[in-house]
Each structure stands twice: as structure tokens, then as C-alpha cells.
């Protein structure tokens, strides 16, 4: 799934992770795109174990969506968030 989303071949991804090869900057950017994260997030300290299970599940489900559906989900969350903000 990540190979398809990133535009990289499955062999490139396999070589990077299973054989310990260092990806090029280009490949790393593509991998991050495939996972839906920025390079800054990739290199950030900490890991997803610090993130609550519900957020991890949301992230995993979000990753399965195409771009159109991701945009719909983001719009829904923004709308809900605006409705729940206290009015000043």
C-alpha cells in the first residue's frame, strides 16, 4: 500500500527497511508522502507509542483513504471543531 501511495517500487521500500540501506532524500520524501507525514515529523523525537490508541487508529484509517476522502474527513473535523469551540 505504501509503495503505491509513495510512487516508489516495492523493492526500493524493501531494500530501505529490511536491508538497512539509506534512502536518498528523494526516496525519503516519497516515503513520507506515502505515510502522510512530513520529513520533520519523520525525524522528530518520540514515536507513536506516546500517542493515544484512538489517535493511532484514526491515523491508520486516514492513511487508507484517497485524497478526496482525506479532504472530506479534514473538513468534517474542522467543522466539528469550530462548533465545539467556546464562543467569546
C-alpha atoms as a PDB file:
ATOM      1  CA  UNK A   1       0.000   0.000   0.000  1.00  0.00           C
ATOM      2  CA  UNK A   2       2.790   2.448   0.866  1.00  0.00           C
ATOM      3  CA  UNK A   3       4.632   1.692  -2.370  1.00  0.00           C
ATOM      4  CA  UNK A   4       1.569   2.661  -4.364  1.00  0.00           C
ATOM      5  CA  UNK A   5       0.949   5.842  -2.354  1.00  0.00           C
ATOM      6  CA  UNK A   6       4.589   6.916  -2.416  1.00  0.00           C
ATOM      7  CA  UNK A   7       5.234   6.169  -6.063  1.00  0.00           C
ATOM      8  CA  UNK A   8       8.291   4.085  -5.139  1.00  0.00           C
ATOM      9  CA  UNK A   9       8.782   0.485  -6.153  1.00  0.00           C
ATOM     10  CA  UNK A  10       8.204  -2.233  -3.581  1.00  0.00           C
ATOM     11  CA  UNK A  11      11.839  -3.304  -3.974  1.00  0.00           C
ATOM     12  CA  UNK A  12      13.061   0.200  -3.075  1.00  0.00           C
ATOM     13  CA  UNK A  13      10.984   0.165   0.101  1.00  0.00           C
ATOM     14  CA  UNK A  14      12.049  -3.397   0.958  1.00  0.00           C
ATOM     15  CA  UNK A  15      15.728  -2.578   0.437  1.00  0.00           C
ATOM     16  CA  UNK A  16      15.425   0.529   2.587  1.00  0.00           C
ATOM     17  CA  UNK A  17      13.766  -1.139   5.563  1.00  0.00           C
ATOM     18  CA  UNK A  18      14.800  -4.792   5.515  1.00  0.00           C
ATOM     19  CA  UNK A  19      18.352  -4.434   4.267  1.00  0.00           C
ATOM     20  CA  UNK A  20      19.188  -1.279   6.185  1.00  0.00           C
ATOM     21  CA  UNK A  21      20.018   0.765   3.103  1.00  0.00           C
ATOM     22  CA  UNK A  22      19.937   4.523   3.403  1.00  0.00           C
ATOM     23  CA  UNK A  23      17.276   6.144   1.231  1.00  0.00           C
ATOM     24  CA  UNK A  24      18.059   9.143  -0.916  1.00  0.00           C
ATOM     25  CA  UNK A  25      16.429  12.432   0.053  1.00  0.00           C
ATOM     26  CA  UNK A  26      14.075  11.961  -2.898  1.00  0.00           C
ATOM     27  CA  UNK A  27      13.080   8.461  -1.717  1.00  0.00           C
ATOM     28  CA  UNK A  28      12.679   9.651   1.867  1.00  0.00           C
ATOM     29  CA  UNK A  29      10.382  12.466   0.738  1.00  0.00           C
ATOM     30  CA  UNK A  30       8.328   9.966  -1.275  1.00  0.00           C
ATOM     31  CA  UNK A  31       8.143   7.556   1.672  1.00  0.00           C
ATOM     32  CA  UNK A  32       6.971  10.345   3.959  1.00  0.00           C
ATOM     33  CA  UNK A  33       4.345  11.318   1.383  1.00  0.00           C
ATOM     34  CA  UNK A  34       3.199   7.699   1.281  1.00  0.00           C
ATOM     35  CA  UNK A  35       2.789   7.659   5.041  1.00  0.00           C
ATOM     36  CA  UNK A  36       1.161  11.078   5.054  1.00  0.00           C
ATOM     37  CA  UNK A  37       3.835  12.707   7.200  1.00  0.00           C
ATOM     38  CA  UNK A  38       6.398  15.441   6.728  1.00  0.00           C
ATOM     39  CA  UNK A  39      10.130  14.873   6.867  1.00  0.00           C
ATOM     40  CA  UNK A  40      10.144  16.947  10.058  1.00  0.00           C
ATOM     41  CA  UNK A  41       7.679  14.502  11.600  1.00  0.00           C
ATOM     42  CA  UNK A  42       9.795  11.584  10.392  1.00  0.00           C
ATOM     43  CA  UNK A  43      12.864  12.942  12.180  1.00  0.00           C
ATOM     44  CA  UNK A  44      11.025  14.185  15.279  1.00  0.00           C
ATOM     45  CA  UNK A  45      11.952  12.684  18.611  1.00  0.00           C
ATOM     46  CA  UNK A  46       9.494  10.280  20.157  1.00  0.00           C
ATOM     47  CA  UNK A  47       7.266   7.768  18.490  1.00  0.00           C
ATOM     48  CA  UNK A  48       3.613   6.848  18.087  1.00  0.00           C
ATOM     49  CA  UNK A  49       3.597   4.851  21.316  1.00  0.00           C
ATOM     50  CA  UNK A  50       3.183   8.212  23.076  1.00  0.00           C
ATOM     51  CA  UNK A  51       0.059   8.897  21.024  1.00  0.00           C
ATOM     52  CA  UNK A  52      -3.234   7.572  22.454  1.00  0.00           C
ATOM     53  CA  UNK A  53      -4.576   4.406  20.820  1.00  0.00           C
ATOM     54  CA  UNK A  54      -7.619   6.265  19.449  1.00  0.00           C
ATOM     55  CA  UNK A  55      -5.403   8.752  17.621  1.00  0.00           C
ATOM     56  CA  UNK A  56      -3.229   5.950  16.254  1.00  0.00           C
ATOM     57  CA  UNK A  57      -6.371   4.236  14.953  1.00  0.00           C
ATOM     58  CA  UNK A  58      -7.616   7.461  13.345  1.00  0.00           C
ATOM     59  CA  UNK A  59      -4.241   7.949  11.694  1.00  0.00           C
ATOM     60  CA  UNK A  60      -4.165   4.370  10.403  1.00  0.00           C
ATOM     61  CA  UNK A  61      -7.689   4.650   8.991  1.00  0.00           C
ATOM     62  CA  UNK A  62      -6.927   8.054   7.468  1.00  0.00           C
ATOM     63  CA  UNK A  63      -3.955   6.536   5.634  1.00  0.00           C
ATOM     64  CA  UNK A  64      -6.268   4.099   3.825  1.00  0.00           C
ATOM     65  CA  UNK A  65      -8.301   6.923   2.244  1.00  0.00           C
ATOM     66  CA  UNK A  66      -7.742   8.511  -1.127  1.00  0.00           C
ATOM     67  CA  UNK A  67      -7.026  12.252  -1.355  1.00  0.00           C
ATOM     68  CA  UNK A  68     -10.664  13.209  -1.929  1.00  0.00           C
ATOM     69  CA  UNK A  69     -11.858  11.288   1.128  1.00  0.00           C
ATOM     70  CA  UNK A  70      -8.986  12.652   3.243  1.00  0.00           C
ATOM     71  CA  UNK A  71     -10.101  16.171   2.375  1.00  0.00           C
ATOM     72  CA  UNK A  72     -13.690  15.308   3.318  1.00  0.00           C
ATOM     73  CA  UNK A  73     -12.556  13.920   6.675  1.00  0.00           C
ATOM     74  CA  UNK A  74     -10.459  17.012   7.384  1.00  0.00           C
ATOM     75  CA  UNK A  75     -13.365  19.299   6.512  1.00  0.00           C
ATOM     76  CA  UNK A  76     -15.678  17.313   8.794  1.00  0.00           C
ATOM     77  CA  UNK A  77     -13.225  17.525  11.687  1.00  0.00           C
ATOM     78  CA  UNK A  78     -12.713  21.257  11.131  1.00  0.00           C
ATOM     79  CA  UNK A  79     -16.476  21.816  11.093  1.00  0.00           C
ATOM     80  CA  UNK A  80     -16.987  19.825  14.289  1.00  0.00           C
ATOM     81  CA  UNK A  81     -14.053  21.593  15.930  1.00  0.00           C
ATOM     82  CA  UNK A  82     -15.482  25.027  15.089  1.00  0.00           C
ATOM     83  CA  UNK A  83     -18.884  24.050  16.533  1.00  0.00           C
ATOM     84  CA  UNK A  84     -17.353  22.880  19.801  1.00  0.00           C
ATOM     85  CA  UNK A  85     -15.149  25.923  20.412  1.00  0.00           C
ATOM     86  CA  UNK A  86     -16.420  28.156  23.186  1.00  0.00           C
ATOM     87  CA  UNK A  87     -17.848  31.392  21.805  1.00  0.00           C
ATOM     88  CA  UNK A  88     -16.231  34.564  23.076  1.00  0.00           C
END
